[in-house]
Each structure stands twice: as C-alpha cells, then as structure tokens.
N, C-alpha and C. Protein backbone atom coordinates (compact mmCIF):
# COMPACT_ATOMS: atom_id res chain seq x y z
N MET A 1 0.83 -1.19 0.00
CA MET A 1 0.00 0.00 0.00
C MET A 1 0.87 1.25 0.00
N VAL A 2 0.49 2.22 -0.77
CA VAL A 2 1.19 3.50 -0.83
C VAL A 2 0.80 4.33 0.38
N THR A 3 1.76 5.01 1.00
CA THR A 3 1.42 5.99 2.03
C THR A 3 2.25 7.23 1.77
N PHE A 4 1.68 8.36 2.08
CA PHE A 4 2.45 9.59 2.05
C PHE A 4 3.05 9.71 3.43
N GLU A 5 4.30 9.30 3.54
CA GLU A 5 4.94 9.26 4.84
C GLU A 5 4.84 10.62 5.51
N GLY A 6 4.48 10.56 6.78
CA GLY A 6 4.42 11.78 7.55
C GLY A 6 3.10 12.51 7.47
N MET A 7 2.10 11.98 6.79
CA MET A 7 0.77 12.61 6.76
C MET A 7 -0.07 11.97 7.85
N GLN A 8 -0.34 12.73 8.91
CA GLN A 8 -1.15 12.22 10.01
C GLN A 8 -2.28 13.19 10.29
N LEU A 9 -3.35 12.67 10.87
CA LEU A 9 -4.50 13.48 11.28
C LEU A 9 -4.65 13.42 12.78
N LEU A 10 -5.11 14.53 13.34
CA LEU A 10 -5.50 14.57 14.74
C LEU A 10 -6.94 15.03 14.78
N LEU A 11 -7.82 14.18 15.29
CA LEU A 11 -9.22 14.54 15.47
C LEU A 11 -9.41 14.88 16.94
N ASN A 12 -9.88 16.09 17.22
CA ASN A 12 -10.07 16.51 18.60
C ASN A 12 -11.54 16.80 18.86
N ASP A 13 -12.10 16.05 19.78
CA ASP A 13 -13.48 16.24 20.22
C ASP A 13 -14.50 16.14 19.08
N VAL A 14 -14.23 15.29 18.10
CA VAL A 14 -15.22 15.02 17.06
C VAL A 14 -16.29 14.14 17.71
N ARG A 15 -17.51 14.64 17.74
CA ARG A 15 -18.55 13.97 18.54
C ARG A 15 -19.27 12.86 17.80
N SER A 16 -19.29 12.88 16.48
CA SER A 16 -20.02 11.87 15.72
C SER A 16 -19.11 10.71 15.31
N ALA A 17 -19.45 9.53 15.79
CA ALA A 17 -18.70 8.34 15.40
C ALA A 17 -18.86 8.07 13.91
N LEU A 18 -19.99 8.45 13.33
CA LEU A 18 -20.18 8.29 11.88
C LEU A 18 -19.18 9.17 11.11
N ASN A 19 -18.95 10.39 11.59
CA ASN A 19 -17.94 11.25 10.96
C ASN A 19 -16.55 10.64 11.10
N ILE A 20 -16.25 10.11 12.27
CA ILE A 20 -14.94 9.49 12.49
C ILE A 20 -14.74 8.32 11.53
N GLY A 21 -15.75 7.49 11.36
CA GLY A 21 -15.66 6.37 10.43
C GLY A 21 -15.44 6.84 9.00
N SER A 22 -16.15 7.89 8.61
CA SER A 22 -15.98 8.45 7.27
C SER A 22 -14.56 9.00 7.08
N ILE A 23 -14.01 9.62 8.13
CA ILE A 23 -12.64 10.13 8.06
C ILE A 23 -11.65 8.97 7.92
N PHE A 24 -11.90 7.86 8.61
CA PHE A 24 -11.05 6.68 8.43
C PHE A 24 -11.07 6.23 6.97
N ARG A 25 -12.26 6.20 6.39
CA ARG A 25 -12.39 5.74 5.00
C ARG A 25 -11.64 6.66 4.04
N SER A 26 -11.79 7.98 4.21
CA SER A 26 -11.05 8.92 3.37
C SER A 26 -9.55 8.81 3.62
N SER A 27 -9.17 8.58 4.87
CA SER A 27 -7.75 8.44 5.20
C SER A 27 -7.14 7.23 4.51
N ASP A 28 -7.90 6.15 4.41
CA ASP A 28 -7.44 4.99 3.67
C ASP A 28 -7.30 5.33 2.19
N ALA A 29 -8.29 6.00 1.63
CA ALA A 29 -8.27 6.35 0.20
C ALA A 29 -7.06 7.21 -0.15
N PHE A 30 -6.66 8.10 0.76
CA PHE A 30 -5.56 9.01 0.49
C PHE A 30 -4.28 8.64 1.23
N ALA A 31 -4.21 7.38 1.70
CA ALA A 31 -2.99 6.80 2.27
C ALA A 31 -2.41 7.58 3.44
N VAL A 32 -3.27 8.03 4.34
CA VAL A 32 -2.82 8.70 5.56
C VAL A 32 -2.08 7.68 6.42
N GLU A 33 -0.99 8.12 7.01
CA GLU A 33 -0.15 7.24 7.82
C GLU A 33 -0.81 6.86 9.15
N LYS A 34 -1.45 7.85 9.82
CA LYS A 34 -1.99 7.58 11.15
C LYS A 34 -3.05 8.61 11.51
N ILE A 35 -4.04 8.16 12.28
CA ILE A 35 -5.06 9.05 12.85
C ILE A 35 -4.92 9.01 14.37
N TRP A 36 -4.85 10.20 14.96
CA TRP A 36 -4.87 10.35 16.42
C TRP A 36 -6.28 10.75 16.81
N LEU A 37 -6.89 10.01 17.70
CA LEU A 37 -8.21 10.31 18.24
C LEU A 37 -8.00 10.88 19.63
N THR A 38 -8.55 12.08 19.89
CA THR A 38 -8.32 12.74 21.19
C THR A 38 -9.63 13.29 21.74
N GLY A 39 -9.59 13.58 23.04
CA GLY A 39 -10.76 14.17 23.69
C GLY A 39 -11.94 13.20 23.70
N ILE A 40 -13.11 13.68 23.27
CA ILE A 40 -14.33 12.89 23.32
C ILE A 40 -14.53 11.96 22.13
N CYS A 41 -13.56 11.87 21.25
CA CYS A 41 -13.70 11.01 20.07
C CYS A 41 -13.95 9.55 20.47
N ALA A 42 -14.90 8.94 19.79
CA ALA A 42 -15.10 7.49 19.94
C ALA A 42 -13.95 6.77 19.25
N CYS A 43 -13.74 5.53 19.64
CA CYS A 43 -12.66 4.73 19.05
C CYS A 43 -13.22 3.42 18.51
N PRO A 44 -12.56 2.87 17.49
CA PRO A 44 -12.94 1.52 17.04
C PRO A 44 -12.80 0.56 18.22
N PRO A 45 -13.67 -0.41 18.31
CA PRO A 45 -14.62 -0.92 17.33
C PRO A 45 -16.04 -0.37 17.47
N ASN A 46 -16.21 0.88 17.80
CA ASN A 46 -17.54 1.49 17.87
C ASN A 46 -18.32 1.16 16.61
N LYS A 47 -19.57 0.69 16.77
CA LYS A 47 -20.33 0.19 15.62
C LYS A 47 -20.63 1.30 14.59
N GLU A 48 -20.80 2.55 15.03
CA GLU A 48 -21.04 3.63 14.07
C GLU A 48 -19.77 3.95 13.27
N ILE A 49 -18.62 3.88 13.92
CA ILE A 49 -17.36 4.06 13.19
C ILE A 49 -17.23 2.96 12.13
N LEU A 50 -17.44 1.73 12.55
CA LEU A 50 -17.29 0.59 11.64
C LEU A 50 -18.28 0.68 10.47
N LYS A 51 -19.48 1.21 10.72
CA LYS A 51 -20.50 1.32 9.68
C LYS A 51 -20.04 2.18 8.52
N THR A 52 -19.38 3.31 8.80
CA THR A 52 -18.96 4.21 7.72
C THR A 52 -17.51 4.00 7.30
N ALA A 53 -16.71 3.39 8.16
CA ALA A 53 -15.30 3.15 7.80
C ALA A 53 -15.15 2.03 6.78
N LEU A 54 -16.08 1.10 6.77
CA LEU A 54 -16.05 -0.03 5.83
C LEU A 54 -14.69 -0.73 5.79
N GLY A 55 -14.14 -1.02 6.96
CA GLY A 55 -12.89 -1.77 7.05
C GLY A 55 -11.64 -0.91 7.17
N ALA A 56 -11.77 0.39 7.02
CA ALA A 56 -10.58 1.26 7.05
C ALA A 56 -9.93 1.34 8.43
N THR A 57 -10.64 0.94 9.48
CA THR A 57 -10.01 0.92 10.80
C THR A 57 -8.95 -0.17 10.88
N GLN A 58 -8.98 -1.09 9.94
CA GLN A 58 -7.98 -2.16 9.87
C GLN A 58 -6.80 -1.79 8.97
N THR A 59 -6.95 -0.75 8.15
CA THR A 59 -5.90 -0.40 7.20
C THR A 59 -5.21 0.92 7.51
N VAL A 60 -5.79 1.71 8.40
CA VAL A 60 -5.19 2.98 8.80
C VAL A 60 -4.80 2.86 10.27
N GLN A 61 -3.54 3.10 10.56
CA GLN A 61 -3.06 3.05 11.94
C GLN A 61 -3.74 4.16 12.74
N TRP A 62 -4.10 3.87 13.99
CA TRP A 62 -4.72 4.89 14.82
C TRP A 62 -4.30 4.68 16.27
N GLU A 63 -4.47 5.76 17.04
CA GLU A 63 -4.16 5.70 18.46
C GLU A 63 -5.03 6.72 19.17
N TYR A 64 -5.48 6.38 20.38
CA TYR A 64 -6.23 7.32 21.21
C TYR A 64 -5.31 7.89 22.28
N MET A 65 -5.34 9.20 22.43
CA MET A 65 -4.72 9.89 23.57
C MET A 65 -5.71 10.95 24.01
N GLU A 66 -5.97 11.02 25.29
CA GLU A 66 -6.97 11.97 25.78
C GLU A 66 -6.59 13.42 25.46
N ASN A 67 -5.33 13.76 25.67
CA ASN A 67 -4.90 15.15 25.55
C ASN A 67 -4.28 15.44 24.18
N ALA A 68 -4.96 16.24 23.38
CA ALA A 68 -4.47 16.59 22.05
C ALA A 68 -3.16 17.37 22.11
N LEU A 69 -2.99 18.19 23.14
CA LEU A 69 -1.79 19.01 23.25
C LEU A 69 -0.54 18.15 23.38
N GLU A 70 -0.66 17.01 24.06
CA GLU A 70 0.48 16.10 24.19
C GLU A 70 0.87 15.51 22.84
N VAL A 71 -0.13 15.18 22.03
CA VAL A 71 0.16 14.64 20.69
C VAL A 71 0.84 15.71 19.85
N ILE A 72 0.33 16.92 19.90
CA ILE A 72 0.91 18.01 19.10
C ILE A 72 2.36 18.25 19.48
N GLU A 73 2.64 18.33 20.77
CA GLU A 73 4.03 18.56 21.21
C GLU A 73 4.94 17.40 20.80
N ARG A 74 4.45 16.20 20.94
CA ARG A 74 5.23 15.02 20.56
C ARG A 74 5.59 15.06 19.07
N LEU A 75 4.59 15.36 18.22
CA LEU A 75 4.84 15.36 16.78
C LEU A 75 5.65 16.58 16.35
N ARG A 76 5.46 17.71 17.01
CA ARG A 76 6.31 18.88 16.72
C ARG A 76 7.78 18.52 16.97
N ASN A 77 8.04 17.82 18.08
CA ASN A 77 9.41 17.40 18.40
C ASN A 77 9.96 16.40 17.39
N GLU A 78 9.07 15.72 16.67
CA GLU A 78 9.49 14.79 15.62
C GLU A 78 9.59 15.48 14.25
N GLY A 79 9.40 16.79 14.23
CA GLY A 79 9.57 17.55 12.99
C GLY A 79 8.32 17.75 12.16
N PHE A 80 7.16 17.53 12.73
CA PHE A 80 5.91 17.72 11.99
C PHE A 80 5.54 19.20 11.92
N LYS A 81 4.98 19.59 10.79
CA LYS A 81 4.35 20.90 10.65
C LYS A 81 2.91 20.73 11.14
N ILE A 82 2.48 21.60 12.03
CA ILE A 82 1.17 21.49 12.67
C ILE A 82 0.19 22.40 11.93
N CYS A 83 -0.80 21.79 11.30
CA CYS A 83 -1.74 22.51 10.43
C CYS A 83 -3.17 22.33 10.93
N ALA A 84 -3.77 23.40 11.44
CA ALA A 84 -5.16 23.35 11.90
C ALA A 84 -6.06 23.72 10.73
N ILE A 85 -7.08 22.92 10.50
CA ILE A 85 -8.06 23.21 9.47
C ILE A 85 -9.17 23.98 10.15
N GLU A 86 -9.15 25.30 9.96
CA GLU A 86 -10.08 26.16 10.70
C GLU A 86 -10.15 27.54 10.03
N GLN A 87 -11.31 28.15 10.13
CA GLN A 87 -11.48 29.53 9.68
C GLN A 87 -10.94 30.45 10.77
N SER A 88 -10.02 31.32 10.38
CA SER A 88 -9.47 32.28 11.33
C SER A 88 -8.93 33.47 10.55
N GLU A 89 -8.65 34.55 11.26
CA GLU A 89 -8.10 35.74 10.61
C GLU A 89 -6.73 35.46 9.99
N GLN A 90 -5.99 34.51 10.56
CA GLN A 90 -4.64 34.19 10.06
C GLN A 90 -4.65 33.10 9.00
N ALA A 91 -5.80 32.55 8.69
CA ALA A 91 -5.86 31.37 7.82
C ALA A 91 -5.37 31.65 6.41
N VAL A 92 -4.71 30.64 5.87
CA VAL A 92 -4.31 30.60 4.46
C VAL A 92 -5.40 29.81 3.73
N MET A 93 -5.85 30.33 2.60
CA MET A 93 -6.85 29.59 1.83
C MET A 93 -6.22 28.31 1.28
N LEU A 94 -7.00 27.25 1.26
CA LEU A 94 -6.49 25.94 0.88
C LEU A 94 -5.77 25.97 -0.47
N GLN A 95 -6.31 26.68 -1.45
CA GLN A 95 -5.68 26.70 -2.76
C GLN A 95 -4.29 27.35 -2.74
N ASN A 96 -3.99 28.11 -1.68
CA ASN A 96 -2.67 28.75 -1.54
C ASN A 96 -1.74 27.96 -0.63
N PHE A 97 -2.20 26.84 -0.12
CA PHE A 97 -1.39 26.00 0.76
C PHE A 97 -0.66 24.96 -0.07
N SER A 98 0.66 24.98 0.01
CA SER A 98 1.49 24.01 -0.70
C SER A 98 2.33 23.25 0.31
N PRO A 99 1.90 22.04 0.65
CA PRO A 99 2.70 21.27 1.60
C PRO A 99 4.04 20.90 0.97
N SER A 100 5.08 21.04 1.74
CA SER A 100 6.41 20.67 1.26
C SER A 100 6.56 19.17 1.33
N GLU A 101 7.15 18.59 0.29
CA GLU A 101 7.34 17.14 0.31
C GLU A 101 8.30 16.72 1.42
N ALA A 102 9.13 17.63 1.89
CA ALA A 102 10.08 17.31 2.96
C ALA A 102 9.43 17.37 4.34
N ASN A 103 8.31 18.08 4.45
CA ASN A 103 7.66 18.24 5.75
C ASN A 103 6.78 17.05 6.10
N LYS A 104 6.87 16.66 7.34
CA LYS A 104 5.87 15.77 7.89
C LYS A 104 4.73 16.69 8.32
N THR A 105 3.50 16.28 8.07
CA THR A 105 2.36 17.16 8.30
C THR A 105 1.34 16.52 9.22
N LEU A 106 0.91 17.27 10.22
CA LEU A 106 -0.20 16.88 11.07
C LEU A 106 -1.36 17.81 10.76
N LEU A 107 -2.46 17.24 10.27
CA LEU A 107 -3.68 18.00 10.02
C LEU A 107 -4.59 17.84 11.23
N ILE A 108 -5.05 18.95 11.78
CA ILE A 108 -5.91 18.92 12.96
C ILE A 108 -7.31 19.33 12.56
N LEU A 109 -8.28 18.49 12.94
CA LEU A 109 -9.69 18.77 12.70
C LEU A 109 -10.42 18.73 14.03
N GLY A 110 -11.35 19.67 14.21
CA GLY A 110 -11.99 19.81 15.51
C GLY A 110 -13.46 19.43 15.54
N ASN A 111 -14.06 19.81 16.62
CA ASN A 111 -15.46 19.53 16.92
C ASN A 111 -16.38 20.10 15.84
N GLU A 112 -17.46 19.38 15.56
CA GLU A 112 -18.40 19.76 14.52
C GLU A 112 -19.06 21.11 14.75
N VAL A 113 -19.23 21.52 15.99
CA VAL A 113 -19.89 22.79 16.29
C VAL A 113 -18.87 23.88 16.64
N GLU A 114 -17.93 23.55 17.50
CA GLU A 114 -16.97 24.54 18.01
C GLU A 114 -15.71 24.69 17.15
N GLY A 115 -15.43 23.73 16.29
CA GLY A 115 -14.21 23.78 15.48
C GLY A 115 -12.99 23.38 16.30
N VAL A 116 -11.84 23.81 15.84
CA VAL A 116 -10.58 23.52 16.53
C VAL A 116 -10.48 24.45 17.74
N ALA A 117 -10.19 23.88 18.89
CA ALA A 117 -10.11 24.64 20.14
C ALA A 117 -9.03 25.71 20.06
N LYS A 118 -9.29 26.83 20.74
CA LYS A 118 -8.38 27.98 20.72
C LYS A 118 -6.96 27.61 21.16
N ASN A 119 -6.83 26.81 22.22
CA ASN A 119 -5.49 26.45 22.70
C ASN A 119 -4.73 25.60 21.68
N ILE A 120 -5.46 24.85 20.86
CA ILE A 120 -4.82 24.07 19.80
C ILE A 120 -4.44 24.99 18.64
N LEU A 121 -5.33 25.94 18.31
CA LEU A 121 -5.01 26.90 17.25
C LEU A 121 -3.73 27.67 17.58
N GLU A 122 -3.57 28.02 18.84
CA GLU A 122 -2.39 28.78 19.26
C GLU A 122 -1.10 27.98 19.08
N LEU A 123 -1.19 26.66 19.13
CA LEU A 123 0.00 25.81 18.95
C LEU A 123 0.26 25.45 17.49
N SER A 124 -0.64 25.82 16.61
CA SER A 124 -0.52 25.44 15.21
C SER A 124 0.44 26.36 14.46
N ASP A 125 1.17 25.77 13.52
CA ASP A 125 2.07 26.55 12.67
C ASP A 125 1.30 27.33 11.61
N ILE A 126 0.18 26.78 11.19
CA ILE A 126 -0.61 27.40 10.13
C ILE A 126 -2.07 27.01 10.30
N HIS A 127 -2.95 27.92 9.92
CA HIS A 127 -4.39 27.64 9.86
C HIS A 127 -4.75 27.59 8.38
N ILE A 128 -5.51 26.60 7.99
CA ILE A 128 -5.90 26.42 6.59
C ILE A 128 -7.42 26.47 6.51
N GLU A 129 -7.92 27.26 5.57
CA GLU A 129 -9.36 27.43 5.41
C GLU A 129 -9.78 27.05 4.00
N ILE A 130 -10.90 26.37 3.89
CA ILE A 130 -11.48 26.05 2.59
C ILE A 130 -12.40 27.20 2.20
N PRO A 131 -12.18 27.83 1.04
CA PRO A 131 -13.07 28.93 0.65
C PRO A 131 -14.49 28.40 0.40
N GLN A 132 -15.46 29.19 0.82
CA GLN A 132 -16.86 28.80 0.66
C GLN A 132 -17.64 30.02 0.17
N PHE A 133 -18.61 29.78 -0.69
CA PHE A 133 -19.28 30.88 -1.38
C PHE A 133 -20.78 30.95 -1.13
N GLY A 134 -21.35 29.99 -0.44
CA GLY A 134 -22.78 29.98 -0.17
C GLY A 134 -23.14 30.73 1.10
N GLU A 135 -24.37 30.58 1.52
CA GLU A 135 -24.86 31.21 2.75
C GLU A 135 -24.20 30.60 3.99
N LYS A 136 -24.12 29.29 4.02
CA LYS A 136 -23.52 28.60 5.16
C LYS A 136 -22.00 28.69 5.03
N LYS A 137 -21.34 28.91 6.12
CA LYS A 137 -19.88 29.09 6.08
C LYS A 137 -19.16 27.99 6.84
N SER A 138 -19.71 26.77 6.75
CA SER A 138 -19.02 25.65 7.36
C SER A 138 -19.35 24.38 6.59
N LEU A 139 -18.46 23.42 6.69
CA LEU A 139 -18.62 22.12 6.06
C LEU A 139 -18.57 21.04 7.12
N ASN A 140 -19.17 19.91 6.84
CA ASN A 140 -19.06 18.75 7.71
C ASN A 140 -17.59 18.38 7.86
N VAL A 141 -17.18 17.96 9.05
CA VAL A 141 -15.78 17.65 9.33
C VAL A 141 -15.26 16.52 8.43
N ALA A 142 -16.09 15.55 8.13
CA ALA A 142 -15.65 14.45 7.26
C ALA A 142 -15.48 14.94 5.82
N VAL A 143 -16.37 15.80 5.37
CA VAL A 143 -16.25 16.37 4.02
C VAL A 143 -15.00 17.24 3.95
N THR A 144 -14.79 18.06 4.97
CA THR A 144 -13.59 18.90 5.04
C THR A 144 -12.33 18.06 4.93
N THR A 145 -12.28 16.97 5.66
CA THR A 145 -11.12 16.09 5.63
C THR A 145 -10.85 15.60 4.22
N GLY A 146 -11.89 15.14 3.54
CA GLY A 146 -11.73 14.64 2.18
C GLY A 146 -11.20 15.70 1.23
N ILE A 147 -11.73 16.92 1.34
CA ILE A 147 -11.28 18.02 0.47
C ILE A 147 -9.81 18.33 0.71
N VAL A 148 -9.42 18.46 1.96
CA VAL A 148 -8.03 18.81 2.29
C VAL A 148 -7.08 17.68 1.88
N LEU A 149 -7.47 16.43 2.14
CA LEU A 149 -6.60 15.31 1.74
C LEU A 149 -6.47 15.23 0.22
N TRP A 150 -7.53 15.50 -0.51
CA TRP A 150 -7.44 15.51 -1.97
C TRP A 150 -6.48 16.61 -2.43
N HIS A 151 -6.58 17.79 -1.85
CA HIS A 151 -5.68 18.89 -2.23
C HIS A 151 -4.21 18.50 -2.01
N ILE A 152 -3.93 17.92 -0.85
CA ILE A 152 -2.55 17.53 -0.54
C ILE A 152 -2.09 16.41 -1.47
N THR A 153 -2.96 15.45 -1.72
CA THR A 153 -2.63 14.35 -2.63
C THR A 153 -2.34 14.87 -4.03
N LEU A 154 -3.17 15.76 -4.51
CA LEU A 154 -2.96 16.35 -5.85
C LEU A 154 -1.61 17.05 -5.91
N HIS A 155 -1.29 17.78 -4.85
CA HIS A 155 0.01 18.46 -4.78
C HIS A 155 1.15 17.45 -4.81
N GLN A 156 1.03 16.38 -4.03
CA GLN A 156 2.08 15.34 -4.00
C GLN A 156 2.24 14.67 -5.37
N LEU A 157 1.13 14.41 -6.03
CA LEU A 157 1.20 13.77 -7.36
C LEU A 157 1.89 14.69 -8.37
N GLN A 158 1.68 15.98 -8.25
CA GLN A 158 2.34 16.93 -9.16
C GLN A 158 3.84 16.99 -8.89
N ILE A 159 4.25 16.86 -7.63
CA ILE A 159 5.68 16.85 -7.26
C ILE A 159 6.35 15.62 -7.87
N GLU A 160 5.64 14.49 -7.88
CA GLU A 160 6.23 13.23 -8.36
C GLU A 160 6.43 13.21 -9.88
N LYS A 161 5.77 14.10 -10.60
CA LYS A 161 5.89 14.11 -12.07
C LYS A 161 7.30 14.37 -12.54
C-alpha cells in the first residue's frame, strides 16, 4: 500500500462516530499514515465508526490519547508541521497551501460545532481554510477532511511528475 509518509490526522473532540468512520475511510483512500483520536472522540470498534469506515479501521493506523496538546508537542518534536483546518483571521486559503514534500504534516480537525479549540489553534504553525461561497460558512468535518486530503494528494502527485 502506498502511504504519504508523515501525513497524520489529529481529530479533537469530534462527537459523531459516523464522521470518524468516514474520516477513516477517506484516510485509507488518500494513504494517511496515522489518525490520532483525542478528547471525546469514539474509538474503534464502535459500531457507528465501523458502519462508515467499511474496514478502514484495519488499514489505517490509529491511536487514542486523551490530551491533544500532548500529541501536538510530541509530533512537533518529531519535525511535523502542525496545520489546523479552521477559519481564522490568520488562515491561508487551501488553494494557496502548498505542503512541502520534505515536511511531515499533522492536520488537525476539531469539533463539529466549536471547530478547533483555541489552545490548539495557538500551537498550530498554520491555519488552513477552505473557501466557501454559499450562505452557510461551514462544512461537515468528514467532508472537510476529504477536500483537504485531496488537495494535498494532488500536490504530491504533481511533485512526483
């Protein structure tokens, strides 16, 4: 199986196990190395996760740690670039984000209602926002994950040419 070495996700306080399962499935499709589940996130073998993951909990490495900040510090010390997917005044629009092939990347996704927690945003190297043009200014966390992973994958495929 192909993996983009160093591409990991951190899910913090994602409340829907169905969303978590869908993120596992997208992570398998885009060869994510590992998913960190933190805070209130459900963990496999939760039946709702398994329902939408369709086996991806067996193909994507994952680990639960209660404290997201500990995971962030650990991965920062391992050379990861910490990227929060969140709307903020400092955010870079996704189309302007070019992940470096040399960088290990941690993508952080937050709670469906509250988004990425402020203390996590403060520890992030960059905030990335998906431009939106309709009335609603938010996307489902699982949909967001798929869009961001596709953007990074497309960038990686262009580098390999």
